[in-house]
Each structure stands twice: as C-alpha cells, then as structure tokens.
PDB file of N, CA and C in Angstrom:
ATOM      1  N   MET A   1       2.231 -18.419  25.412  1.00  0.00           N
ATOM      2  CA  MET A   1       0.968 -18.442  26.322  1.00  0.00           C
ATOM      3  C   MET A   1       1.100 -19.634  27.490  1.00  0.00           C
ATOM      4  N   THR A   2       0.873 -18.927  28.880  1.00  0.00           N
ATOM      5  CA  THR A   2       1.220 -20.030  30.159  1.00  0.00           C
ATOM      6  C   THR A   2      -0.295 -20.627  30.255  1.00  0.00           C
ATOM      7  N   SER A   3       0.798 -22.139  31.011  1.00  0.00           N
ATOM      8  CA  SER A   3       0.009 -22.600  31.120  1.00  0.00           C
ATOM      9  C   SER A   3      -0.752 -22.991  33.139  1.00  0.00           C
ATOM     10  N   VAL A   4      -2.008 -22.873  33.264  1.00  0.00           N
ATOM     11  CA  VAL A   4      -2.593 -22.281  34.340  1.00  0.00           C
ATOM     12  C   VAL A   4      -2.425 -24.345  35.431  1.00  0.00           C
ATOM     13  N   GLY A   5      -2.089 -23.723  36.146  1.00  0.00           N
ATOM     14  CA  GLY A   5      -1.819 -25.623  37.129  1.00  0.00           C
ATOM     15  C   GLY A   5      -3.239 -25.253  37.423  1.00  0.00           C
ATOM     16  N   THR A   6      -3.775 -26.532  37.822  1.00  0.00           N
ATOM     17  CA  THR A   6      -4.976 -26.736  38.718  1.00  0.00           C
ATOM     18  C   THR A   6      -4.594 -26.690  40.025  1.00  0.00           C
ATOM     19  N   ARG A   7      -5.639 -25.671  40.627  1.00  0.00           N
ATOM     20  CA  ARG A   7      -5.960 -25.057  41.624  1.00  0.00           C
ATOM     21  C   ARG A   7      -6.531 -26.042  42.728  1.00  0.00           C
ATOM     22  N   VAL A   8      -6.104 -26.233  43.921  1.00  0.00           N
ATOM     23  CA  VAL A   8      -6.284 -27.278  45.024  1.00  0.00           C
ATOM     24  C   VAL A   8      -6.169 -26.543  46.343  1.00  0.00           C
ATOM     25  N   LYS A   9      -7.293 -27.835  46.666  1.00  0.00           N
ATOM     26  CA  LYS A   9      -7.244 -26.933  48.907  1.00  0.00           C
ATOM     27  C   LYS A   9      -6.451 -27.913  49.667  1.00  0.00           C
ATOM     28  N   VAL A  10      -5.220 -27.498  49.983  1.00  0.00           N
ATOM     29  CA  VAL A  10      -4.789 -28.297  50.738  1.00  0.00           C
ATOM     30  C   VAL A  10      -5.161 -27.860  52.305  1.00  0.00           C
ATOM     31  N   THR A  11      -4.770 -29.141  53.301  1.00  0.00           N
ATOM     32  CA  THR A  11      -4.755 -29.374  54.369  1.00  0.00           C
ATOM     33  C   THR A  11      -3.545 -30.351  55.240  1.00  0.00           C
ATOM     34  N   ILE A  12      -3.087 -29.286  55.455  1.00  0.00           N
ATOM     35  CA  ILE A  12      -1.877 -29.924  56.236  1.00  0.00           C
ATOM     36  C   ILE A  12      -1.481 -30.001  57.808  1.00  0.00           C
ATOM     37  N   ARG A  13      -1.610 -31.208  58.396  1.00  0.00           N
ATOM     38  CA  ARG A  13      -1.478 -31.064  60.094  1.00  0.00           C
ATOM     39  C   ARG A  13      -0.524 -31.582  60.457  1.00  0.00           C
ATOM     40  N   CYS A  14      -0.029 -31.216  61.046  1.00  0.00           N
ATOM     41  CA  CYS A  14       1.352 -31.488  61.996  1.00  0.00           C
ATOM     42  C   CYS A  14       1.637 -32.713  62.705  1.00  0.00           C
ATOM     43  N   LYS A  15       2.480 -33.826  62.537  1.00  0.00           N
ATOM     44  CA  LYS A  15       2.794 -34.215  63.426  1.00  0.00           C
ATOM     45  C   LYS A  15       2.645 -34.709  64.775  1.00  0.00           C
ATOM     46  N   ALA A  16       3.577 -33.057  65.175  1.00  0.00           N
ATOM     47  CA  ALA A  16       4.413 -33.066  66.109  1.00  0.00           C
ATOM     48  C   ALA A  16       3.140 -32.046  67.539  1.00  0.00           C
ATOM     49  N   CYS A  17       2.584 -31.339  66.557  1.00  0.00           N
ATOM     50  CA  CYS A  17       1.683 -30.469  67.720  1.00  0.00           C
ATOM     51  C   CYS A  17       0.665 -30.824  67.701  1.00  0.00           C
ATOM     52  N   GLY A  18       0.070 -31.363  66.583  1.00  0.00           N
ATOM     53  CA  GLY A  18      -1.636 -31.289  65.817  1.00  0.00           C
ATOM     54  C   GLY A  18      -2.058 -29.902  65.455  1.00  0.00           C
ATOM     55  N   GLU A  19      -1.243 -29.176  64.600  1.00  0.00           N
ATOM     56  CA  GLU A  19      -1.784 -27.597  64.748  1.00  0.00           C
ATOM     57  C   GLU A  19      -1.722 -27.787  62.865  1.00  0.00           C
ATOM     58  N   ARG A  20      -3.320 -27.331  62.106  1.00  0.00           N
ATOM     59  CA  ARG A  20      -3.996 -27.552  61.056  1.00  0.00           C
ATOM     60  C   ARG A  20      -3.816 -26.480  60.552  1.00  0.00           C
ATOM     61  N   PHE A  21      -3.442 -26.719  58.778  1.00  0.00           N
ATOM     62  CA  PHE A  21      -3.247 -25.261  58.194  1.00  0.00           C
ATOM     63  C   PHE A  21      -3.673 -25.437  57.357  1.00  0.00           C
ATOM     64  N   ILE A  22      -4.631 -25.127  56.354  1.00  0.00           N
ATOM     65  CA  ILE A  22      -5.772 -24.824  55.668  1.00  0.00           C
ATOM     66  C   ILE A  22      -5.723 -23.846  54.147  1.00  0.00           C
ATOM     67  N   LEU A  23      -4.493 -24.509  53.132  1.00  0.00           N
ATOM     68  CA  LEU A  23      -4.247 -23.586  52.524  1.00  0.00           C
ATOM     69  C   LEU A  23      -4.712 -24.131  50.959  1.00  0.00           C
ATOM     70  N   LYS A  24      -4.560 -23.077  49.842  1.00  0.00           N
ATOM     71  CA  LYS A  24      -4.712 -23.052  48.738  1.00  0.00           C
ATOM     72  C   LYS A  24      -3.542 -23.230  48.047  1.00  0.00           C
ATOM     73  N   GLY A  25      -3.268 -23.923  46.800  1.00  0.00           N
ATOM     74  CA  GLY A  25      -2.501 -24.278  45.940  1.00  0.00           C
ATOM     75  C   GLY A  25      -2.718 -24.602  44.531  1.00  0.00           C
ATOM     76  N   LYS A  26      -1.281 -24.640  44.291  1.00  0.00           N
ATOM     77  CA  LYS A  26      -1.441 -25.231  42.593  1.00  0.00           C
ATOM     78  C   LYS A  26      -0.619 -26.631  42.425  1.00  0.00           C
ATOM     79  N   LYS A  27      -1.388 -27.473  41.514  1.00  0.00           N
ATOM     80  CA  LYS A  27      -0.700 -28.683  41.302  1.00  0.00           C
ATOM     81  C   LYS A  27      -0.099 -28.348  39.989  1.00  0.00           C
ATOM     82  N   GLU A  28       0.910 -28.769  39.901  1.00  0.00           N
ATOM     83  CA  GLU A  28       1.886 -28.489  38.259  1.00  0.00           C
ATOM     84  C   GLU A  28       2.625 -29.774  38.824  1.00  0.00           C
ATOM     85  N   LYS A  29       2.414 -30.611  37.202  1.00  0.00           N
ATOM     86  CA  LYS A  29       4.100 -31.667  36.763  1.00  0.00           C
ATOM     87  C   LYS A  29       3.746 -32.438  37.830  1.00  0.00           C
ATOM     88  N   GLY A  30       2.733 -32.709  38.787  1.00  0.00           N
ATOM     89  CA  GLY A  30       2.815 -33.962  40.007  1.00  0.00           C
ATOM     90  C   GLY A  30       3.272 -33.428  41.287  1.00  0.00           C
ATOM     91  N   ARG A  31       3.663 -31.758  40.809  1.00  0.00           N
ATOM     92  CA  ARG A  31       4.275 -31.091  42.468  1.00  0.00           C
ATOM     93  C   ARG A  31       2.878 -30.011  42.898  1.00  0.00           C
ATOM     94  N   ILE A  32       2.607 -29.789  44.217  1.00  0.00           N
ATOM     95  CA  ILE A  32       1.354 -29.031  45.041  1.00  0.00           C
ATOM     96  C   ILE A  32       2.325 -27.998  45.283  1.00  0.00           C
ATOM     97  N   ASP A  33       2.502 -26.840  45.024  1.00  0.00           N
ATOM     98  CA  ASP A  33       2.796 -25.560  45.664  1.00  0.00           C
ATOM     99  C   ASP A  33       1.982 -24.897  46.388  1.00  0.00           C
ATOM    100  N   THR A  34       2.493 -24.540  48.034  1.00  0.00           N
ATOM    101  CA  THR A  34       1.680 -23.637  48.370  1.00  0.00           C
ATOM    102  C   THR A  34       2.059 -22.786  49.057  1.00  0.00           C
ATOM    103  N   GLY A  35       3.647 -22.690  49.168  1.00  0.00           N
ATOM    104  CA  GLY A  35       4.201 -21.805  49.691  1.00  0.00           C
ATOM    105  C   GLY A  35       4.656 -22.291  51.275  1.00  0.00           C
ATOM    106  N   PHE A  36       4.366 -23.135  51.850  1.00  0.00           N
ATOM    107  CA  PHE A  36       3.932 -23.796  53.134  1.00  0.00           C
ATOM    108  C   PHE A  36       5.612 -23.867  53.662  1.00  0.00           C
ATOM    109  N   LYS A  37       6.346 -23.811  54.581  1.00  0.00           N
ATOM    110  CA  LYS A  37       7.745 -23.580  54.798  1.00  0.00           C
ATOM    111  C   LYS A  37       7.910 -24.875  56.158  1.00  0.00           C
ATOM    112  N   GLN A  38       6.722 -24.376  57.785  1.00  0.00           N
ATOM    113  CA  GLN A  38       7.233 -24.948  58.486  1.00  0.00           C
ATOM    114  C   GLN A  38       6.101 -24.630  59.449  1.00  0.00           C
ATOM    115  N   CYS A  39       5.829 -25.307  60.237  1.00  0.00           N
ATOM    116  CA  CYS A  39       5.190 -25.256  61.503  1.00  0.00           C
ATOM    117  C   CYS A  39       5.564 -24.498  62.194  1.00  0.00           C
ATOM    118  N   ILE A  40       4.260 -24.160  63.160  1.00  0.00           N
ATOM    119  CA  ILE A  40       4.812 -22.369  64.282  1.00  0.00           C
ATOM    120  C   ILE A  40       5.553 -23.562  65.474  1.00  0.00           C
ATOM    121  N   CYS A  41       6.128 -24.993  65.597  1.00  0.00           N
ATOM    122  CA  CYS A  41       6.279 -25.409  66.398  1.00  0.00           C
ATOM    123  C   CYS A  41       7.848 -25.541  66.012  1.00  0.00           C
ATOM    124  N   ASN A  42       8.138 -24.783  64.842  1.00  0.00           N
ATOM    125  CA  ASN A  42       9.307 -25.084  64.330  1.00  0.00           C
ATOM    126  C   ASN A  42       9.481 -26.192  63.006  1.00  0.00           C
ATOM    127  N   ASN A  43       8.434 -27.859  63.103  1.00  0.00           N
ATOM    128  CA  ASN A  43       8.215 -28.744  62.817  1.00  0.00           C
ATOM    129  C   ASN A  43       8.719 -28.833  61.363  1.00  0.00           C
ATOM    130  N   ASP A  44       9.885 -29.007  60.781  1.00  0.00           N
ATOM    131  CA  ASP A  44       9.702 -28.649  58.780  1.00  0.00           C
ATOM    132  C   ASP A  44       9.553 -30.090  58.017  1.00  0.00           C
ATOM    133  N   LYS A  45       9.342 -31.372  58.495  1.00  0.00           N
ATOM    134  CA  LYS A  45       9.373 -32.608  57.740  1.00  0.00           C
ATOM    135  C   LYS A  45       8.373 -33.257  57.976  1.00  0.00           C
ATOM    136  N   ASP A  46       7.957 -33.703  59.442  1.00  0.00           N
ATOM    137  CA  ASP A  46       6.361 -34.457  59.742  1.00  0.00           C
ATOM    138  C   ASP A  46       4.866 -33.873  59.802  1.00  0.00           C
ATOM    139  N   PHE A  47       4.104 -34.328  58.295  1.00  0.00           N
ATOM    140  CA  PHE A  47       3.418 -33.546  58.497  1.00  0.00           C
ATOM    141  C   PHE A  47       2.436 -34.643  57.638  1.00  0.00           C
ATOM    142  N   TYR A  48       0.737 -34.570  58.454  1.00  0.00           N
ATOM    143  CA  TYR A  48      -0.370 -35.829  56.970  1.00  0.00           C
ATOM    144  C   TYR A  48      -0.560 -34.302  56.194  1.00  0.00           C
ATOM    145  N   ILE A  49      -0.733 -34.378  55.319  1.00  0.00           N
ATOM    146  CA  ILE A  49      -1.044 -33.693  54.096  1.00  0.00           C
ATOM    147  C   ILE A  49      -2.053 -34.193  53.006  1.00  0.00           C
ATOM    148  N   GLU A  50      -3.446 -33.812  53.009  1.00  0.00           N
ATOM    149  CA  GLU A  50      -4.422 -33.670  52.194  1.00  0.00           C
ATOM    150  C   GLU A  50      -4.757 -32.871  51.249  1.00  0.00           C
ATOM    151  N   THR A  51      -5.309 -33.653  50.273  1.00  0.00           N
ATOM    152  CA  THR A  51      -5.528 -32.449  48.894  1.00  0.00           C
ATOM    153  C   THR A  51      -6.978 -32.605  48.645  1.00  0.00           C
ATOM    154  N   THR A  52      -7.775 -31.428  48.058  1.00  0.00           N
ATOM    155  CA  THR A  52      -8.827 -31.602  47.820  1.00  0.00           C
ATOM    156  C   THR A  52      -9.101 -30.617  46.118  1.00  0.00           C
ATOM    157  N   ASP A  53      -9.699 -31.276  45.287  1.00  0.00           N
ATOM    158  CA  ASP A  53      -9.805 -30.266  44.003  1.00  0.00           C
ATOM    159  C   ASP A  53     -10.772 -29.298  43.849  1.00  0.00           C
ATOM    160  N   PHE A  54     -11.016 -28.528  43.743  1.00  0.00           N
ATOM    161  CA  PHE A  54     -11.681 -27.096  43.865  1.00  0.00           C
ATOM    162  C   PHE A  54     -13.329 -27.233  42.986  1.00  0.00           C
TER     163      PHE A  54
END
C-alpha cells in the first residue's frame, strides 16, 4: 500500500523580477514537492512561497 501526500496549491513569486507561478504540489513528511526549479530570470533561490490546501 502506498501513501498519497496531501495535495496543495502553491503560489511562488520571484523576489528578483516579480514573476508569479501557481502550481499544484504534494505535501509529504513536511516537504512540498512541485518540481519547480527556477524562475525565467534564472533566479533559483529568492522566492516568496505561499501554500493553500485544496
């Protein structure tokens, strides 16, 4: 039997350029996985991240 993580809506806003991404993710063991790597401006570290449960 596999455990399914809780689905969450994740809003990521880049602090460098202001671009906003809205993604679906899974919350498992205190981590949220969306597959997001970096912004289109090549920023990969400095973001505002907000999560909302479905």
